[in-house]
Protein backbone atom coordinates (compact mmCIF):
# COMPACT_ATOMS: atom_id res chain seq x y z
CA MET A 1 -21.19 68.45 -51.92
CA SER A 2 -19.51 65.09 -51.54
CA ALA A 3 -19.26 62.79 -54.53
CA VAL A 4 -21.61 59.85 -54.70
CA ILE A 5 -19.64 56.64 -54.55
CA PRO A 6 -21.31 53.85 -56.50
CA ALA A 7 -22.07 50.71 -54.55
CA SER A 8 -19.72 47.82 -55.12
CA PRO A 9 -21.22 44.83 -56.90
CA PRO A 10 -22.06 42.02 -54.49
CA PHE A 11 -19.38 39.40 -53.98
CA VAL A 12 -20.45 36.13 -55.57
CA ASP A 13 -18.97 32.90 -54.24
CA LEU A 14 -19.13 31.07 -57.55
CA ALA A 15 -17.67 27.88 -56.05
CA ALA A 16 -20.52 27.76 -53.53
CA VAL A 17 -23.06 28.48 -56.27
CA LYS A 18 -21.62 25.69 -58.39
CA ALA A 19 -21.77 23.25 -55.47
CA ARG A 20 -25.45 24.05 -54.94
CA GLN A 21 -26.16 23.70 -58.64
CA GLN A 22 -24.41 20.34 -58.81
CA ALA A 23 -26.44 19.12 -55.85
CA ALA A 24 -29.63 20.32 -57.54
CA TRP A 25 -28.92 18.59 -60.85
CA SER A 26 -27.93 15.43 -58.98
CA ALA A 27 -31.34 15.38 -57.26
CA GLY A 28 -34.26 13.53 -58.76
CA ASN A 29 -33.35 11.91 -62.07
CA TYR A 30 -32.93 14.38 -64.90
CA ALA A 31 -32.64 11.52 -67.40
CA VAL A 32 -36.42 10.97 -67.17
CA VAL A 33 -36.99 14.54 -68.39
CA GLY A 34 -33.90 14.78 -70.55
CA THR A 35 -34.81 11.86 -72.79
CA THR A 36 -37.96 13.66 -73.92
CA LEU A 37 -35.77 16.44 -75.38
CA GLN A 38 -33.94 14.12 -77.81
CA ILE A 39 -35.25 15.85 -80.92
CA VAL A 40 -33.37 19.04 -79.97
CA GLY A 41 -30.02 17.25 -80.16
CA GLU A 42 -30.89 15.75 -83.53
CA ILE A 43 -31.90 19.11 -85.01
CA LEU A 44 -28.79 20.80 -83.58
CA CYS A 45 -26.49 18.23 -85.18
CA GLU A 46 -28.18 18.88 -88.52
CA ALA A 47 -27.74 22.63 -88.06
CA LEU A 48 -24.03 22.03 -87.46
CA ASP A 49 -23.84 19.90 -90.62
CA LEU A 50 -21.69 17.36 -88.79
CA ARG A 51 -19.53 15.08 -90.92
CA ALA A 52 -18.73 11.44 -90.18
CA GLY A 53 -15.38 11.09 -88.44
CA SER A 54 -15.49 14.54 -86.84
CA SER A 55 -14.30 14.83 -83.26
CA VAL A 56 -17.22 16.10 -81.15
CA LEU A 57 -17.42 17.14 -77.49
CA ASP A 58 -20.78 17.29 -75.71
CA VAL A 59 -20.53 19.58 -72.65
CA ALA A 60 -22.97 19.31 -69.73
CA SER A 61 -24.39 16.45 -71.73
CA GLY A 62 -26.94 15.19 -69.21
CA ASN A 63 -28.01 11.72 -70.26
CA GLY A 64 -26.59 12.16 -73.74
CA ASN A 65 -29.13 13.53 -76.20
CA ALA A 66 -26.67 15.50 -78.33
CA THR A 67 -24.03 12.84 -77.64
CA LEU A 68 -26.16 10.14 -79.23
CA ALA A 69 -27.27 12.39 -82.07
CA ALA A 70 -23.63 12.99 -83.02
CA ALA A 71 -22.72 9.31 -82.63
CA ARG A 72 -25.61 8.37 -84.95
CA ARG A 73 -23.84 10.49 -87.55
CA TRP A 74 -20.65 8.42 -87.09
CA CYS A 75 -18.74 11.15 -85.26
CA ASP A 76 -16.07 10.39 -82.65
CA VAL A 77 -17.83 11.65 -79.54
CA THR A 78 -16.72 12.53 -76.02
CA SER A 79 -19.56 13.13 -73.55
CA THR A 80 -19.00 15.13 -70.34
CA ASP A 81 -21.06 16.18 -67.34
CA TYR A 82 -20.38 16.85 -63.66
CA VAL A 83 -23.19 14.51 -62.55
CA SER A 84 -21.84 10.96 -62.73
CA SER A 85 -25.28 9.29 -62.63
CA LEU A 86 -26.29 11.11 -65.81
CA LEU A 87 -23.14 9.91 -67.56
CA GLU A 88 -24.04 6.36 -66.52
CA SER A 89 -27.45 6.82 -68.10
CA GLY A 90 -25.85 8.09 -71.29
CA ARG A 91 -23.42 5.19 -71.29
CA ALA A 92 -26.29 2.69 -71.01
CA ARG A 93 -28.10 4.33 -73.92
CA ALA A 94 -24.94 4.25 -76.04
CA GLN A 95 -24.34 0.58 -75.28
CA ALA A 96 -27.95 -0.26 -76.18
CA GLU A 97 -27.44 1.34 -79.59
CA GLY A 98 -23.96 -0.09 -80.10
CA HIS A 99 -22.05 3.21 -80.13
CA THR A 100 -18.47 3.61 -78.92
CA ILE A 101 -18.44 6.88 -76.99
CA GLN A 102 -16.01 8.27 -74.43
CA PHE A 103 -17.76 9.35 -71.20
CA ARG A 104 -15.90 11.57 -68.77
CA GLU A 105 -16.91 13.43 -65.63
CA ALA A 106 -15.91 17.06 -66.15
CA ASP A 107 -16.73 20.62 -65.14
CA ALA A 108 -17.88 22.82 -68.03
CA GLU A 109 -15.88 25.68 -66.54
CA ASN A 110 -12.64 23.69 -66.46
CA LEU A 111 -12.66 21.17 -69.29
CA PRO A 112 -9.85 18.58 -69.03
CA PHE A 113 -8.81 18.74 -72.68
CA PRO A 114 -5.99 20.48 -74.55
CA ASP A 115 -6.60 23.57 -76.65
CA LYS A 116 -8.02 23.01 -80.15
CA SER A 117 -9.03 19.40 -79.50
CA PHE A 118 -12.43 19.09 -81.20
CA ASP A 119 -14.01 19.87 -84.56
CA ALA A 120 -17.32 20.65 -82.87
CA VAL A 121 -18.46 21.37 -79.33
CA LEU A 122 -22.12 20.95 -78.34
CA SER A 123 -24.37 21.70 -75.39
CA THR A 124 -28.15 21.37 -75.25
CA PHE A 125 -29.74 23.13 -72.26
CA GLY A 126 -26.57 22.41 -70.31
CA VAL A 127 -23.74 24.94 -70.32
CA MET A 128 -26.28 27.76 -69.99
CA PHE A 129 -26.70 26.77 -66.32
CA THR A 130 -23.03 27.25 -65.37
CA ALA A 131 -22.27 29.64 -62.52
CA ASP A 132 -19.46 31.49 -64.35
CA GLN A 133 -20.84 32.11 -67.82
CA ASP A 134 -17.80 33.87 -69.26
CA ARG A 135 -15.43 31.14 -68.11
CA ALA A 136 -17.67 28.40 -69.50
CA ALA A 137 -17.96 30.11 -72.88
CA GLY A 138 -14.21 30.60 -72.92
CA GLU A 139 -13.71 26.89 -72.34
CA LEU A 140 -15.98 25.98 -75.26
CA VAL A 141 -13.93 28.23 -77.51
CA ARG A 142 -10.60 27.01 -76.12
CA VAL A 143 -11.16 23.31 -76.82
CA CYS A 144 -12.67 23.87 -80.28
CA LYS A 145 -10.37 23.97 -83.30
CA PRO A 146 -9.97 27.17 -85.33
CA GLY A 147 -12.71 27.15 -87.95
CA GLY A 148 -14.66 24.65 -85.85
CA LYS A 149 -18.23 25.02 -84.66
CA ILE A 150 -19.93 25.42 -81.31
CA GLY A 151 -23.57 24.35 -81.25
CA LEU A 152 -25.95 25.34 -78.45
CA ALA A 153 -29.60 25.02 -77.55
CA ASN A 154 -30.60 27.60 -74.91
CA TRP A 155 -34.02 28.42 -73.44
CA THR A 156 -35.00 32.07 -73.96
CA PRO A 157 -36.11 34.33 -71.08
CA GLU A 158 -39.64 34.54 -72.51
CA SER A 159 -39.96 30.78 -72.98
CA PHE A 160 -42.00 28.49 -70.76
CA ILE A 161 -38.83 27.17 -69.08
CA GLY A 162 -37.47 30.70 -68.74
CA GLN A 163 -40.67 31.69 -66.96
CA LEU A 164 -40.56 28.49 -64.91
CA PHE A 165 -37.22 29.56 -63.43
CA LYS A 166 -38.57 33.07 -62.86
CA THR A 167 -41.49 31.54 -60.95
CA ILE A 168 -39.17 29.34 -58.89
CA ALA A 169 -37.07 32.40 -58.04
CA ASN A 170 -40.12 33.95 -56.36
CA TYR A 171 -39.96 31.13 -53.80
CA VAL A 172 -36.22 30.35 -53.62
CA PRO A 173 -34.28 33.39 -54.89
CA PRO A 174 -30.98 32.75 -56.67
CA ALA A 175 -27.73 33.96 -55.15
CA ALA A 176 -27.31 37.73 -55.47
CA GLY A 177 -25.13 38.75 -58.40
CA VAL A 178 -25.42 35.47 -60.32
CA ARG A 179 -26.38 35.97 -63.96
CA SER A 180 -29.61 34.36 -65.13
CA PRO A 181 -29.11 31.20 -67.24
CA ALA A 182 -31.76 32.57 -69.61
CA LEU A 183 -29.30 35.24 -70.78
CA TRP A 184 -27.77 32.50 -72.94
CA GLY A 185 -31.08 32.66 -74.79
CA THR A 186 -30.52 36.26 -75.91
CA ASN A 187 -28.67 37.51 -78.97
CA ALA A 188 -26.93 40.25 -76.97
CA ARG A 189 -25.41 37.89 -74.41
CA LEU A 190 -24.30 35.41 -77.06
CA GLU A 191 -22.51 38.23 -78.84
CA GLU A 192 -20.79 39.16 -75.56
CA LEU A 193 -19.74 35.56 -74.93
CA PHE A 194 -18.60 34.56 -78.42
CA GLY A 195 -18.39 37.66 -80.61
CA GLN A 196 -14.62 38.13 -80.42
CA ALA A 197 -13.86 34.50 -81.30
CA ALA A 198 -16.57 34.03 -83.92
CA GLN A 199 -16.37 34.30 -87.66
CA GLU A 200 -20.16 34.05 -87.64
CA ILE A 201 -22.95 33.43 -85.12
CA ARG A 202 -26.13 31.97 -86.59
CA ILE A 203 -29.17 32.05 -84.36
CA THR A 204 -32.50 30.39 -85.09
CA ARG A 205 -35.55 30.60 -82.85
CA ARG A 206 -37.20 27.22 -82.37
CA ASP A 207 -39.86 25.70 -80.16
CA PHE A 208 -39.74 22.48 -78.22
CA THR A 209 -43.17 21.02 -77.45
CA PHE A 210 -43.74 19.40 -74.06
CA ARG A 211 -46.37 16.66 -74.31
CA TYR A 212 -47.70 15.20 -71.07
CA ARG A 213 -50.87 13.47 -69.91
CA SER A 214 -52.08 16.60 -68.13
CA PRO A 215 -50.74 19.78 -66.48
CA SER A 216 -50.73 17.93 -63.17
CA HIS A 217 -48.75 15.09 -64.74
CA TRP A 218 -46.11 17.57 -65.94
CA ILE A 219 -45.81 19.01 -62.43
CA GLU A 220 -45.58 15.52 -60.92
CA VAL A 221 -42.80 14.48 -63.30
CA PHE A 222 -40.79 17.70 -62.92
CA ARG A 223 -41.29 17.85 -59.17
CA THR A 224 -40.01 14.29 -58.86
CA TYR A 225 -37.23 14.16 -61.44
CA TYR A 226 -36.15 17.69 -62.48
CA GLY A 227 -33.45 18.58 -59.97
CA PRO A 228 -33.96 22.35 -59.59
CA MET A 229 -37.71 21.93 -59.13
CA ASN A 230 -37.28 18.92 -56.88
CA ARG A 231 -34.99 20.90 -54.57
CA THR A 232 -37.30 23.91 -54.62
CA PHE A 233 -40.29 21.92 -53.42
CA LEU A 234 -38.20 20.25 -50.70
CA ALA A 235 -37.19 23.69 -49.42
CA LEU A 236 -40.80 24.83 -48.94
CA ASP A 237 -43.41 24.06 -46.30
CA ALA A 238 -46.75 22.58 -47.32
CA GLN A 239 -48.49 25.95 -47.72
CA ARG A 240 -45.75 27.35 -49.96
CA GLN A 241 -45.65 24.12 -51.96
CA ALA A 242 -49.36 24.48 -52.65
CA ALA A 243 -48.88 28.11 -53.68
CA LEU A 244 -46.04 27.20 -56.05
CA THR A 245 -48.11 24.40 -57.56
CA GLN A 246 -50.94 26.84 -58.25
CA ASP A 247 -48.56 29.37 -59.81
CA LEU A 248 -47.20 26.64 -62.08
CA LEU A 249 -50.71 25.56 -63.07
CA ASN A 250 -51.52 29.18 -63.92
CA LEU A 251 -48.34 29.47 -66.01
CA ILE A 252 -49.20 26.27 -67.85
CA ASP A 253 -52.82 27.28 -68.41
CA ARG A 254 -51.74 30.46 -70.21
CA ARG A 255 -49.57 28.49 -72.66
CA ASN A 256 -51.18 25.06 -73.02
CA ARG A 257 -52.70 24.79 -76.51
CA SER A 258 -54.42 21.50 -75.75
CA ARG A 259 -58.10 21.58 -74.92
CA ASP A 260 -58.57 17.85 -74.31
CA GLY A 261 -57.10 17.69 -70.81
CA THR A 262 -53.57 16.82 -71.95
CA LEU A 263 -50.60 19.16 -72.02
CA VAL A 264 -49.23 20.38 -75.36
CA LEU A 265 -47.02 23.34 -74.59
CA GLN A 266 -44.30 25.02 -76.60
CA SER A 267 -41.13 26.44 -75.05
CA GLU A 268 -38.95 28.66 -77.20
CA TYR A 269 -35.20 28.14 -77.42
CA LEU A 270 -32.34 29.52 -79.46
CA GLU A 271 -30.49 27.14 -81.74
CA VAL A 272 -27.02 28.65 -81.93
CA VAL A 273 -24.19 27.81 -84.32
CA VAL A 274 -20.95 29.67 -83.63
CA GLU A 275 -18.38 29.26 -86.39
CA LEU A 276 -14.95 30.16 -85.02
CA LYS A 277 -12.34 32.20 -86.80
CA ARG A 278 -9.55 30.29 -88.47
């Protein structure tokens, strides 16, 4: 009897995946959605116990929620993203509040900073979407000082947003072999990514509450401004768009705790504080 040879894992062109992701996040205008998540950045900075004067890097910062939260605590902040329009939005917000912040276009998988540059490194619903998860996590560790802290906010697989991406995948499947972003919302994956470098990993389950005028209003806003959903709808014909809309309404209906026609819907995320070894 001949031996069974296991199938080789599928080749994943991570550069191509990253290019598609960058195009998706550049579509629409994530800042419209991102601004509503501001409270997450504030709570994360409190969890990190940031001190005034600390050097802080915000990775995949979007329009700057965690960036601004750290700056409001008088930290010296550098804000990075690979979508230049989002950095411009963050810059405008910083100027309006009178903060001096460094904004720099950068890839989370190849950060343009020396080793051990920052006291704290943050990412709220950002770095979890990188194509090469291990490389991105390694970069967060590399640029953080020994004894420093990495703070993350990551949607869990069971959360509303985790299920949103699962629903989208039924219509536009992700590239074969690419790890789900929602894995960053699991204790096991976080241990894999940071366990060797960490003195301690503290994980707290929290909920963010989406509040919109109605379920249809949420779909309208996300379809227009949230890049991944915007691109998904554009890829579908009218019949499939209608089917996706109905699936999203069904998903919302199961989780919406409002009974007055508005949308009040919680989405679970992990608040993660990784304290590095000295």
